[in-house]
Amino acid sequence: MDGEGQIVVEYVQMVPTQKPVSWTTEDLYNLLMRGIEPDLCTDTLPLLDTMYEDETPEQRKERMAWYSEAFKQFLERYEKFTAALHGEFRKIQTSLRSMSEGKSAEHDASAVSHLEDLFQSNS
């Protein structure tokens, strides 16, 4: 995600010798949340009590209010991210469909040409 709030989806074209990358929902959560509030990443959550053991009740209240806002931002980014992925998948689907239709049209033209040749040779 860039500073403007836009989602940038990058992917690597798979080469047969590469192993596929596996992502979990936790990985996605941490990826998006780390840019908003690292305290709320799953690897940091167990450390929060120790990190903030000396805070006052008022400081804790402010922190919790910020965390609430951070979760709202996370949900907005998640929705934008999934919308961007959906758009990318649609582009791939459209491209594959076009390629398939092109091959089908080529096959149909070849078949018609072959039939025409057969009819002309039999006449």
C-alpha atoms as a PDB file:
ATOM      1  CA  MET A   1       0.000   0.000   0.000  1.00  0.00           C
ATOM      2  CA  ASP A   2       1.449   3.387  -0.842  1.00  0.00           C
ATOM      3  CA  GLY A   3       1.147   6.648   1.087  1.00  0.00           C
ATOM      4  CA  GLU A   4      -1.957   7.647  -0.866  1.00  0.00           C
ATOM      5  CA  GLY A   5      -3.967   4.717   0.442  1.00  0.00           C
ATOM      6  CA  GLN A   6      -3.834   2.865  -2.872  1.00  0.00           C
ATOM      7  CA  ILE A   7      -3.184  -0.833  -2.922  1.00  0.00           C
ATOM      8  CA  VAL A   8      -0.350  -2.088  -5.058  1.00  0.00           C
ATOM      9  CA  VAL A   9      -0.601  -5.757  -5.901  1.00  0.00           C
ATOM     10  CA  GLU A  10       2.652  -7.239  -7.063  1.00  0.00           C
ATOM     11  CA  TYR A  11       3.154 -10.789  -8.139  1.00  0.00           C
ATOM     12  CA  VAL A  12       6.005 -12.823  -9.475  1.00  0.00           C
ATOM     13  CA  GLN A  13       5.482 -14.878 -12.579  1.00  0.00           C
ATOM     14  CA  MET A  14       6.083 -18.461 -11.559  1.00  0.00           C
ATOM     15  CA  VAL A  15       8.978 -20.285 -13.175  1.00  0.00           C
ATOM     16  CA  PRO A  16       8.636 -24.089 -13.061  1.00  0.00           C
ATOM     17  CA  THR A  17      11.669 -24.402 -10.750  1.00  0.00           C
ATOM     18  CA  GLN A  18      10.235 -22.017  -8.118  1.00  0.00           C
ATOM     19  CA  LYS A  19       8.231 -23.269  -5.198  1.00  0.00           C
ATOM     20  CA  PRO A  20       4.840 -21.602  -4.760  1.00  0.00           C
ATOM     21  CA  VAL A  21       4.578 -19.094  -1.936  1.00  0.00           C
ATOM     22  CA  SER A  22       2.089 -19.966   0.766  1.00  0.00           C
ATOM     23  CA  TRP A  23       0.332 -17.197   2.704  1.00  0.00           C
ATOM     24  CA  THR A  24      -1.929 -17.584   5.694  1.00  0.00           C
ATOM     25  CA  THR A  25      -4.662 -15.229   6.838  1.00  0.00           C
ATOM     26  CA  GLU A  26      -2.378 -14.343   9.748  1.00  0.00           C
ATOM     27  CA  ASP A  27       0.350 -13.321   7.283  1.00  0.00           C
ATOM     28  CA  LEU A  28      -2.104 -11.085   5.439  1.00  0.00           C
ATOM     29  CA  TYR A  29      -3.360  -9.570   8.698  1.00  0.00           C
ATOM     30  CA  ASN A  30       0.200  -8.805   9.843  1.00  0.00           C
ATOM     31  CA  LEU A  31       1.178  -7.410   6.452  1.00  0.00           C
ATOM     32  CA  LEU A  32      -1.675  -4.925   6.497  1.00  0.00           C
ATOM     33  CA  MET A  33      -1.617  -4.142  10.219  1.00  0.00           C
ATOM     34  CA  ARG A  34       2.141  -3.593  10.458  1.00  0.00           C
ATOM     35  CA  GLY A  35       1.772  -0.415   8.401  1.00  0.00           C
ATOM     36  CA  ILE A  36      -0.955   0.875  10.714  1.00  0.00           C
ATOM     37  CA  GLU A  37      -0.040  -0.237  14.231  1.00  0.00           C
ATOM     38  CA  PRO A  38       2.752  -2.764  14.825  1.00  0.00           C
ATOM     39  CA  ASP A  39       1.528  -3.291  18.418  1.00  0.00           C
ATOM     40  CA  LEU A  40      -1.468  -5.130  16.982  1.00  0.00           C
ATOM     41  CA  CYS A  41       0.506  -7.642  14.919  1.00  0.00           C
ATOM     42  CA  THR A  42       0.192 -11.192  16.176  1.00  0.00           C
ATOM     43  CA  ASP A  43       3.872 -11.473  17.060  1.00  0.00           C
ATOM     44  CA  THR A  44       3.674  -8.358  19.267  1.00  0.00           C
ATOM     45  CA  LEU A  45       0.357  -8.994  21.042  1.00  0.00           C
ATOM     46  CA  PRO A  46       1.841 -11.309  23.714  1.00  0.00           C
ATOM     47  CA  LEU A  47       4.350  -8.589  24.641  1.00  0.00           C
ATOM     48  CA  LEU A  48       1.914  -5.714  25.164  1.00  0.00           C
ATOM     49  CA  ASP A  49       1.410  -6.185  28.911  1.00  0.00           C
ATOM     50  CA  THR A  50       5.156  -6.009  29.465  1.00  0.00           C
ATOM     51  CA  MET A  51       5.649  -3.145  27.012  1.00  0.00           C
ATOM     52  CA  TYR A  52       3.005  -0.999  28.701  1.00  0.00           C
ATOM     53  CA  GLU A  53       3.224  -2.184  32.307  1.00  0.00           C
ATOM     54  CA  ASP A  54       4.007   1.327  33.582  1.00  0.00           C
ATOM     55  CA  GLU A  55       1.275   3.211  31.743  1.00  0.00           C
ATOM     56  CA  THR A  56      -1.420   5.055  33.654  1.00  0.00           C
ATOM     57  CA  PRO A  57      -5.105   4.194  33.323  1.00  0.00           C
ATOM     58  CA  GLU A  58      -5.567   7.346  31.237  1.00  0.00           C
ATOM     59  CA  GLN A  59      -2.707   6.355  28.913  1.00  0.00           C
ATOM     60  CA  ARG A  60      -4.197   2.880  28.572  1.00  0.00           C
ATOM     61  CA  LYS A  61      -7.579   4.384  27.700  1.00  0.00           C
ATOM     62  CA  GLU A  62      -5.932   6.531  24.996  1.00  0.00           C
ATOM     63  CA  ARG A  63      -4.026   3.533  23.652  1.00  0.00           C
ATOM     64  CA  MET A  64      -7.183   1.442  23.464  1.00  0.00           C
ATOM     65  CA  ALA A  65      -8.954   4.273  21.612  1.00  0.00           C
ATOM     66  CA  TRP A  66      -6.077   4.366  19.124  1.00  0.00           C
ATOM     67  CA  TYR A  67      -6.204   0.581  18.735  1.00  0.00           C
ATOM     68  CA  SER A  68      -9.889   0.848  17.929  1.00  0.00           C
ATOM     69  CA  GLU A  69      -9.100   3.402  15.220  1.00  0.00           C
ATOM     70  CA  ALA A  70      -6.274   1.199  13.963  1.00  0.00           C
ATOM     71  CA  PHE A  71      -8.690  -1.714  13.504  1.00  0.00           C
ATOM     72  CA  LYS A  72     -11.024   0.535  11.497  1.00  0.00           C
ATOM     73  CA  GLN A  73      -8.103   1.497   9.261  1.00  0.00           C
ATOM     74  CA  PHE A  74      -7.156  -2.157   8.945  1.00  0.00           C
ATOM     75  CA  LEU A  75     -10.659  -3.072   7.763  1.00  0.00           C
ATOM     76  CA  GLU A  76     -10.578  -0.281   5.175  1.00  0.00           C
ATOM     77  CA  ARG A  77      -7.209  -1.446   3.857  1.00  0.00           C
ATOM     78  CA  TYR A  78      -8.360  -5.066   3.846  1.00  0.00           C
ATOM     79  CA  GLU A  79     -11.413  -4.157   1.760  1.00  0.00           C
ATOM     80  CA  LYS A  80      -9.269  -2.183  -0.691  1.00  0.00           C
ATOM     81  CA  PHE A  81      -6.749  -5.017  -0.865  1.00  0.00           C
ATOM     82  CA  THR A  82      -9.369  -7.675  -1.584  1.00  0.00           C
ATOM     83  CA  ALA A  83     -11.049  -5.409  -4.148  1.00  0.00           C
ATOM     84  CA  ALA A  84      -7.684  -4.936  -5.891  1.00  0.00           C
ATOM     85  CA  LEU A  85      -7.105  -8.694  -5.888  1.00  0.00           C
ATOM     86  CA  HIS A  86     -10.566  -9.272  -7.297  1.00  0.00           C
ATOM     87  CA  GLY A  87      -9.814  -6.764 -10.055  1.00  0.00           C
ATOM     88  CA  GLU A  88      -6.530  -8.488 -10.868  1.00  0.00           C
ATOM     89  CA  PHE A  89      -8.237 -11.885 -10.976  1.00  0.00           C
ATOM     90  CA  ARG A  90     -10.873 -10.475 -13.345  1.00  0.00           C
ATOM     91  CA  LYS A  91      -8.118  -9.206 -15.657  1.00  0.00           C
ATOM     92  CA  ILE A  92      -6.495 -12.633 -15.683  1.00  0.00           C
ATOM     93  CA  GLN A  93      -9.859 -14.301 -16.329  1.00  0.00           C
ATOM     94  CA  THR A  94     -10.611 -11.898 -19.194  1.00  0.00           C
ATOM     95  CA  SER A  95      -7.174 -12.461 -20.694  1.00  0.00           C
ATOM     96  CA  LEU A  96      -7.527 -16.242 -20.491  1.00  0.00           C
ATOM     97  CA  ARG A  97     -10.991 -16.076 -22.010  1.00  0.00           C
ATOM     98  CA  SER A  98      -9.711 -13.930 -24.887  1.00  0.00           C
ATOM     99  CA  MET A  99      -6.850 -16.325 -25.503  1.00  0.00           C
ATOM    100  CA  SER A 100      -9.236 -19.271 -25.446  1.00  0.00           C
ATOM    101  CA  GLU A 101     -11.700 -17.588 -27.797  1.00  0.00           C
ATOM    102  CA  GLY A 102      -8.851 -16.664 -30.143  1.00  0.00           C
ATOM    103  CA  LYS A 103      -7.673 -20.256 -30.312  1.00  0.00           C
ATOM    104  CA  SER A 104     -11.240 -21.433 -30.768  1.00  0.00           C
ATOM    105  CA  ALA A 105     -11.738 -18.971 -33.642  1.00  0.00           C
ATOM    106  CA  GLU A 106      -8.472 -20.115 -35.241  1.00  0.00           C
ATOM    107  CA  HIS A 107      -9.559 -23.753 -34.891  1.00  0.00           C
ATOM    108  CA  ASP A 108     -12.994 -22.969 -36.369  1.00  0.00           C
ATOM    109  CA  ALA A 109     -11.449 -21.123 -39.323  1.00  0.00           C
ATOM    110  CA  SER A 110      -9.069 -24.016 -39.909  1.00  0.00           C
ATOM    111  CA  ALA A 111     -11.924 -26.527 -39.794  1.00  0.00           C
ATOM    112  CA  VAL A 112     -14.044 -24.486 -42.223  1.00  0.00           C
ATOM    113  CA  SER A 113     -11.079 -24.134 -44.580  1.00  0.00           C
ATOM    114  CA  HIS A 114     -10.492 -27.876 -44.425  1.00  0.00           C
ATOM    115  CA  LEU A 115     -14.159 -28.579 -45.188  1.00  0.00           C
ATOM    116  CA  GLU A 116     -14.079 -26.127 -48.104  1.00  0.00           C
ATOM    117  CA  ASP A 117     -11.011 -27.891 -49.449  1.00  0.00           C
ATOM    118  CA  LEU A 118     -12.801 -31.236 -49.166  1.00  0.00           C
ATOM    119  CA  PHE A 119     -15.856 -29.946 -51.026  1.00  0.00           C
ATOM    120  CA  GLN A 120     -13.745 -28.373 -53.762  1.00  0.00           C
ATOM    121  CA  SER A 121     -11.687 -31.531 -54.272  1.00  0.00           C
ATOM    122  CA  ASN A 122     -14.898 -33.642 -54.484  1.00  0.00           C
ATOM    123  CA  SER A 123     -16.558 -31.392 -57.025  1.00  0.00           C
END
